[in-house]
C-alpha atoms as a PDB file:
ATOM      1  CA  MET A   1      50.319  88.865 170.221  1.00  0.00           C
ATOM      2  CA  ARG A   2      49.223  92.179 168.726  1.00  0.00           C
ATOM      3  CA  LYS A   3      47.592  94.921 170.777  1.00  0.00           C
ATOM      4  CA  THR A   4      44.328  94.617 168.819  1.00  0.00           C
ATOM      5  CA  ASP A   5      44.144  90.898 169.617  1.00  0.00           C
ATOM      6  CA  ILE A   6      44.639  91.629 173.317  1.00  0.00           C
ATOM      7  CA  ALA A   7      41.967  94.345 173.194  1.00  0.00           C
ATOM      8  CA  TRP A   8      39.498  91.902 171.608  1.00  0.00           C
ATOM      9  CA  LEU A   9      40.219  89.255 174.208  1.00  0.00           C
ATOM     10  CA  LEU A  10      39.696  91.735 177.060  1.00  0.00           C
ATOM     11  CA  THR A  11      36.435  92.952 175.510  1.00  0.00           C
ATOM     12  CA  LEU A  12      35.136  89.393 175.161  1.00  0.00           C
ATOM     13  CA  ALA A  13      36.154  88.593 178.733  1.00  0.00           C
ATOM     14  CA  LEU A  14      34.312  91.658 180.064  1.00  0.00           C
ATOM     15  CA  LEU A  15      31.160  90.630 178.183  1.00  0.00           C
ATOM     16  CA  TYR A  16      31.433  87.074 179.515  1.00  0.00           C
ATOM     17  CA  LEU A  17      32.081  87.855 183.195  1.00  0.00           C
ATOM     18  CA  PRO A  18      28.604  89.221 184.196  1.00  0.00           C
ATOM     19  CA  ALA A  19      26.926  86.097 182.794  1.00  0.00           C
ATOM     20  CA  VAL A  20      29.367  83.837 184.628  1.00  0.00           C
ATOM     21  CA  ALA A  21      28.850  85.774 187.869  1.00  0.00           C
ATOM     22  CA  ALA A  22      25.080  85.374 187.568  1.00  0.00           C
ATOM     23  CA  GLN A  23      25.375  81.638 186.868  1.00  0.00           C
ATOM     24  CA  ASN A  24      27.690  81.093 189.845  1.00  0.00           C
ATOM     25  CA  ALA A  25      25.381  82.864 192.278  1.00  0.00           C
ATOM     26  CA  ASP A  26      23.572  80.771 194.860  1.00  0.00           C
ATOM     27  CA  ARG A  27      20.103  82.250 194.581  1.00  0.00           C
ATOM     28  CA  VAL A  28      17.907  85.105 193.444  1.00  0.00           C
ATOM     29  CA  VAL A  29      16.612  87.410 196.195  1.00  0.00           C
ATOM     30  CA  LEU A  30      12.910  88.231 195.839  1.00  0.00           C
ATOM     31  CA  PRO A  31      11.150  91.307 197.224  1.00  0.00           C
ATOM     32  CA  ASN A  32       9.524  90.862 200.635  1.00  0.00           C
ATOM     33  CA  THR A  33       5.774  90.341 200.065  1.00  0.00           C
ATOM     34  CA  ASN A  34       5.112  91.464 203.643  1.00  0.00           C
ATOM     35  CA  LEU A  35       5.626  94.992 202.334  1.00  0.00           C
ATOM     36  CA  LEU A  36       2.400  94.671 200.345  1.00  0.00           C
ATOM     37  CA  ARG A  37      -0.456  96.317 202.246  1.00  0.00           C
ATOM     38  CA  CYS A  38       2.041  97.802 204.695  1.00  0.00           C
ATOM     39  CA  ASN A  39       1.401 101.408 205.683  1.00  0.00           C
ATOM     40  CA  SER A  40       3.674 102.131 208.617  1.00  0.00           C
ATOM     41  CA  SER A  41       7.255 103.184 209.150  1.00  0.00           C
ATOM     42  CA  ASP A  42       7.981  99.573 210.193  1.00  0.00           C
ATOM     43  CA  CYS A  43       7.872  98.573 206.525  1.00  0.00           C
ATOM     44  CA  SER A  44      11.590  98.597 205.837  1.00  0.00           C
ATOM     45  CA  GLN A  45      12.641  94.982 205.214  1.00  0.00           C
ATOM     46  CA  LEU A  46      12.956  95.027 201.408  1.00  0.00           C
ATOM     47  CA  TRP A  47      14.222  91.503 200.816  1.00  0.00           C
ATOM     48  CA  SER A  48      12.709  88.162 201.715  1.00  0.00           C
ATOM     49  CA  GLY A  49      14.833  85.805 203.795  1.00  0.00           C
ATOM     50  CA  ASP A  50      18.482  86.024 204.687  1.00  0.00           C
ATOM     51  CA  THR A  51      20.910  87.256 202.075  1.00  0.00           C
ATOM     52  CA  ASP A  52      24.473  86.254 201.393  1.00  0.00           C
ATOM     53  CA  GLN A  53      27.315  87.567 199.252  1.00  0.00           C
ATOM     54  CA  LYS A  54      26.462  85.342 196.300  1.00  0.00           C
ATOM     55  CA  ALA A  55      22.798  86.374 196.219  1.00  0.00           C
ATOM     56  CA  ILE A  56      21.445  88.137 193.145  1.00  0.00           C
ATOM     57  CA  PHE A  57      19.474  91.265 193.986  1.00  0.00           C
ATOM     58  CA  PRO A  58      17.175  93.158 191.633  1.00  0.00           C
ATOM     59  CA  LYS A  59      18.901  96.037 189.883  1.00  0.00           C
ATOM     60  CA  GLN A  60      15.782  98.115 190.511  1.00  0.00           C
ATOM     61  CA  LEU A  61      12.728  97.851 192.764  1.00  0.00           C
ATOM     62  CA  ILE A  62       9.679  99.930 191.868  1.00  0.00           C
ATOM     63  CA  VAL A  63       7.062 100.386 194.612  1.00  0.00           C
ATOM     64  CA  ASP A  64       3.431 101.325 193.872  1.00  0.00           C
ATOM     65  CA  THR A  65       1.683 103.263 196.624  1.00  0.00           C
ATOM     66  CA  LYS A  66      -1.609 105.012 197.155  1.00  0.00           C
ATOM     67  CA  GLN A  67      -2.389 107.060 200.255  1.00  0.00           C
ATOM     68  CA  GLY A  68       0.769 105.765 201.948  1.00  0.00           C
ATOM     69  CA  CYS A  69      -0.039 102.088 201.331  1.00  0.00           C
ATOM     70  CA  ILE A  70       2.190  99.802 199.272  1.00  0.00           C
ATOM     71  CA  TYR A  71      -0.045  97.749 196.978  1.00  0.00           C
ATOM     72  CA  GLY A  72       2.412  96.613 194.319  1.00  0.00           C
ATOM     73  CA  MET A  73       6.103  96.078 193.609  1.00  0.00           C
ATOM     74  CA  THR A  74       8.113  95.403 190.480  1.00  0.00           C
ATOM     75  CA  ALA A  75      11.589  93.914 190.758  1.00  0.00           C
ATOM     76  CA  LEU A  76      13.832  94.219 187.702  1.00  0.00           C
ATOM     77  CA  TYR A  77      16.668  91.711 187.403  1.00  0.00           C
ATOM     78  CA  ASP A  78      19.584  92.373 185.051  1.00  0.00           C
ATOM     79  CA  LYS A  79      19.479  90.752 181.629  1.00  0.00           C
ATOM     80  CA  SER A  80      22.604  88.723 182.549  1.00  0.00           C
ATOM     81  CA  VAL A  81      20.603  86.864 185.222  1.00  0.00           C
ATOM     82  CA  PRO A  82      19.318  83.612 183.703  1.00  0.00           C
ATOM     83  CA  PHE A  83      15.526  83.484 183.324  1.00  0.00           C
ATOM     84  CA  ASP A  84      15.401  79.963 184.790  1.00  0.00           C
ATOM     85  CA  LEU A  85      17.156  81.178 187.946  1.00  0.00           C
ATOM     86  CA  VAL A  86      14.486  83.822 188.587  1.00  0.00           C
ATOM     87  CA  LYS A  87      11.664  81.400 187.735  1.00  0.00           C
ATOM     88  CA  SER A  88      13.193  78.786 190.027  1.00  0.00           C
ATOM     89  CA  ALA A  89      13.274  81.253 192.943  1.00  0.00           C
ATOM     90  CA  LEU A  90       9.576  82.002 192.408  1.00  0.00           C
ATOM     91  CA  ASP A  91       8.701  78.316 192.003  1.00  0.00           C
ATOM     92  CA  ASN A  92      10.555  77.428 195.207  1.00  0.00           C
ATOM     93  CA  ARG A  93       8.354  79.796 197.163  1.00  0.00           C
ATOM     94  CA  TYR A  94       5.051  79.801 195.211  1.00  0.00           C
ATOM     95  CA  ARG A  95       4.949  76.504 193.243  1.00  0.00           C
ATOM     96  CA  GLN A  96       1.605  75.403 194.706  1.00  0.00           C
ATOM     97  CA  TRP A  97      -0.022  78.602 193.417  1.00  0.00           C
ATOM     98  CA  SER A  98       1.325  78.376 189.871  1.00  0.00           C
ATOM     99  CA  MET A  99      -1.327  79.224 187.261  1.00  0.00           C
ATOM    100  CA  LYS A 100      -0.146  76.799 184.573  1.00  0.00           C
ATOM    101  CA  GLU A 101      -3.192  77.544 182.420  1.00  0.00           C
ATOM    102  CA  LEU A 102      -2.019  81.175 182.113  1.00  0.00           C
ATOM    103  CA  ASP A 103       1.671  80.401 181.521  1.00  0.00           C
ATOM    104  CA  LYS A 104       3.113  81.085 178.073  1.00  0.00           C
ATOM    105  CA  PRO A 105       6.609  79.504 178.084  1.00  0.00           C
ATOM    106  CA  ALA A 106       7.317  80.559 174.478  1.00  0.00           C
ATOM    107  CA  LEU A 107       6.778  84.193 175.562  1.00  0.00           C
ATOM    108  CA  HIS A 108       8.609  83.805 178.907  1.00  0.00           C
ATOM    109  CA  LEU A 109       5.399  84.616 180.786  1.00  0.00           C
ATOM    110  CA  TYR A 110       4.544  82.868 184.059  1.00  0.00           C
ATOM    111  CA  VAL A 111       1.860  83.616 186.658  1.00  0.00           C
ATOM    112  CA  TRP A 112       1.330  82.653 190.321  1.00  0.00           C
ATOM    113  CA  ARG A 113      -1.717  83.618 192.399  1.00  0.00           C
ATOM    114  CA  VAL A 114      -1.829  83.229 196.156  1.00  0.00           C
ATOM    115  CA  PRO A 115      -5.585  83.245 196.974  1.00  0.00           C
ATOM    116  CA  GLN A 116      -6.824  86.412 198.698  1.00  0.00           C
ATOM    117  CA  LYS A 117      -3.241  87.676 198.999  1.00  0.00           C
ATOM    118  CA  LEU A 118      -1.171  88.442 195.911  1.00  0.00           C
ATOM    119  CA  ALA A 119      -0.599  87.834 192.223  1.00  0.00           C
ATOM    120  CA  ILE A 120       2.864  87.444 190.702  1.00  0.00           C
ATOM    121  CA  GLN A 121       3.860  87.746 187.062  1.00  0.00           C
ATOM    122  CA  LEU A 122       7.293  86.968 185.596  1.00  0.00           C
ATOM    123  CA  THR A 123       8.139  88.312 182.148  1.00  0.00           C
ATOM    124  CA  VAL A 124      11.146  89.330 180.090  1.00  0.00           C
ATOM    125  CA  ASP A 125      11.234  92.858 178.702  1.00  0.00           C
ATOM    126  CA  ASP A 126      11.590  93.068 174.945  1.00  0.00           C
ATOM    127  CA  LYS A 127      12.966  95.613 172.478  1.00  0.00           C
ATOM    128  CA  GLU A 128       9.678  97.555 172.688  1.00  0.00           C
ATOM    129  CA  ALA A 129      10.197  98.113 176.434  1.00  0.00           C
ATOM    130  CA  GLU A 130      13.742  99.249 175.691  1.00  0.00           C
ATOM    131  CA  ARG A 131      12.533 101.607 172.938  1.00  0.00           C
ATOM    132  CA  LYS A 132      10.080 103.174 175.387  1.00  0.00           C
ATOM    133  CA  GLY A 133      12.884 103.661 177.908  1.00  0.00           C
ATOM    134  CA  TRP A 134      11.416 101.330 180.536  1.00  0.00           C
ATOM    135  CA  SER A 135      14.327  98.917 180.742  1.00  0.00           C
ATOM    136  CA  GLU A 136      16.935  97.128 178.670  1.00  0.00           C
ATOM    137  CA  ALA A 137      15.717  94.268 176.474  1.00  0.00           C
ATOM    138  CA  GLY A 138      16.250  90.985 178.302  1.00  0.00           C
ATOM    139  CA  THR A 139      15.538  92.435 181.753  1.00  0.00           C
ATOM    140  CA  LYS A 140      13.560  89.999 183.915  1.00  0.00           C
ATOM    141  CA  ARG A 141      10.473  91.697 185.409  1.00  0.00           C
ATOM    142  CA  VAL A 142       8.823  90.226 188.538  1.00  0.00           C
ATOM    143  CA  ARG A 143       5.549  92.043 189.280  1.00  0.00           C
ATOM    144  CA  LEU A 144       3.907  91.469 192.688  1.00  0.00           C
ATOM    145  CA  ILE A 145       0.423  92.879 193.247  1.00  0.00           C
ATOM    146  CA  ALA A 146      -1.718  92.713 196.403  1.00  0.00           C
ATOM    147  CA  ILE A 147      -5.121  91.223 195.642  1.00  0.00           C
ATOM    148  CA  ALA A 148      -7.401  93.806 197.210  1.00  0.00           C
ATOM    149  CA  MET A 149      -8.845  97.177 196.402  1.00  0.00           C
ATOM    150  CA  PRO A 150      -6.030  99.672 195.851  1.00  0.00           C
ATOM    151  CA  GLY A 151      -5.278 102.368 198.392  1.00  0.00           C
ATOM    152  CA  ARG A 152      -6.038 102.194 202.111  1.00  0.00           C
ATOM    153  CA  SER A 153      -8.419  99.247 201.703  1.00  0.00           C
ATOM    154  CA  ALA A 154      -5.446  97.169 200.525  1.00  0.00           C
ATOM    155  CA  CYS A 155      -3.871  97.774 203.914  1.00  0.00           C
ATOM    156  CA  THR A 156      -6.756  96.467 205.997  1.00  0.00           C
ATOM    157  CA  SER A 157      -5.521  92.881 205.951  1.00  0.00           C
ATOM    158  CA  SER A 158      -2.080  91.338 206.177  1.00  0.00           C
ATOM    159  CA  LEU A 159      -0.330  88.933 203.824  1.00  0.00           C
ATOM    160  CA  LYS A 160       1.270  87.014 206.722  1.00  0.00           C
END
């Protein structure tokens, strides 16, 4: 076998491995919604539930704060993580609050709304997001927002 053939095979294997790793993982880890409306130093548990070695964590977690209060979070999952795996994790926890009338499956847009607590939106970033430097096209974006007035008033009630 020639060296160029070996190089091509290695390149293809390296491109294939992240997708296989994501498919073999047990579950997607979601951000801890108890952080929403939290305004104390006790707010340190980033992930919901127990985690294991096969769990898929977000590659980035963006936290929105105002006056020391967390009122929103955005979890970005790598483009190699299958969309259905992220959606399944959200459905497992929030299925009863799915807003089917707002879902746009052709656009990979899904919405959940837990009354008086939080809203969740799942989307996939496109080439426009990549062009703007936000994230790589194909990145799965899970946006969690506390349903309350932003700032300190968002911290007056708990999501528990």
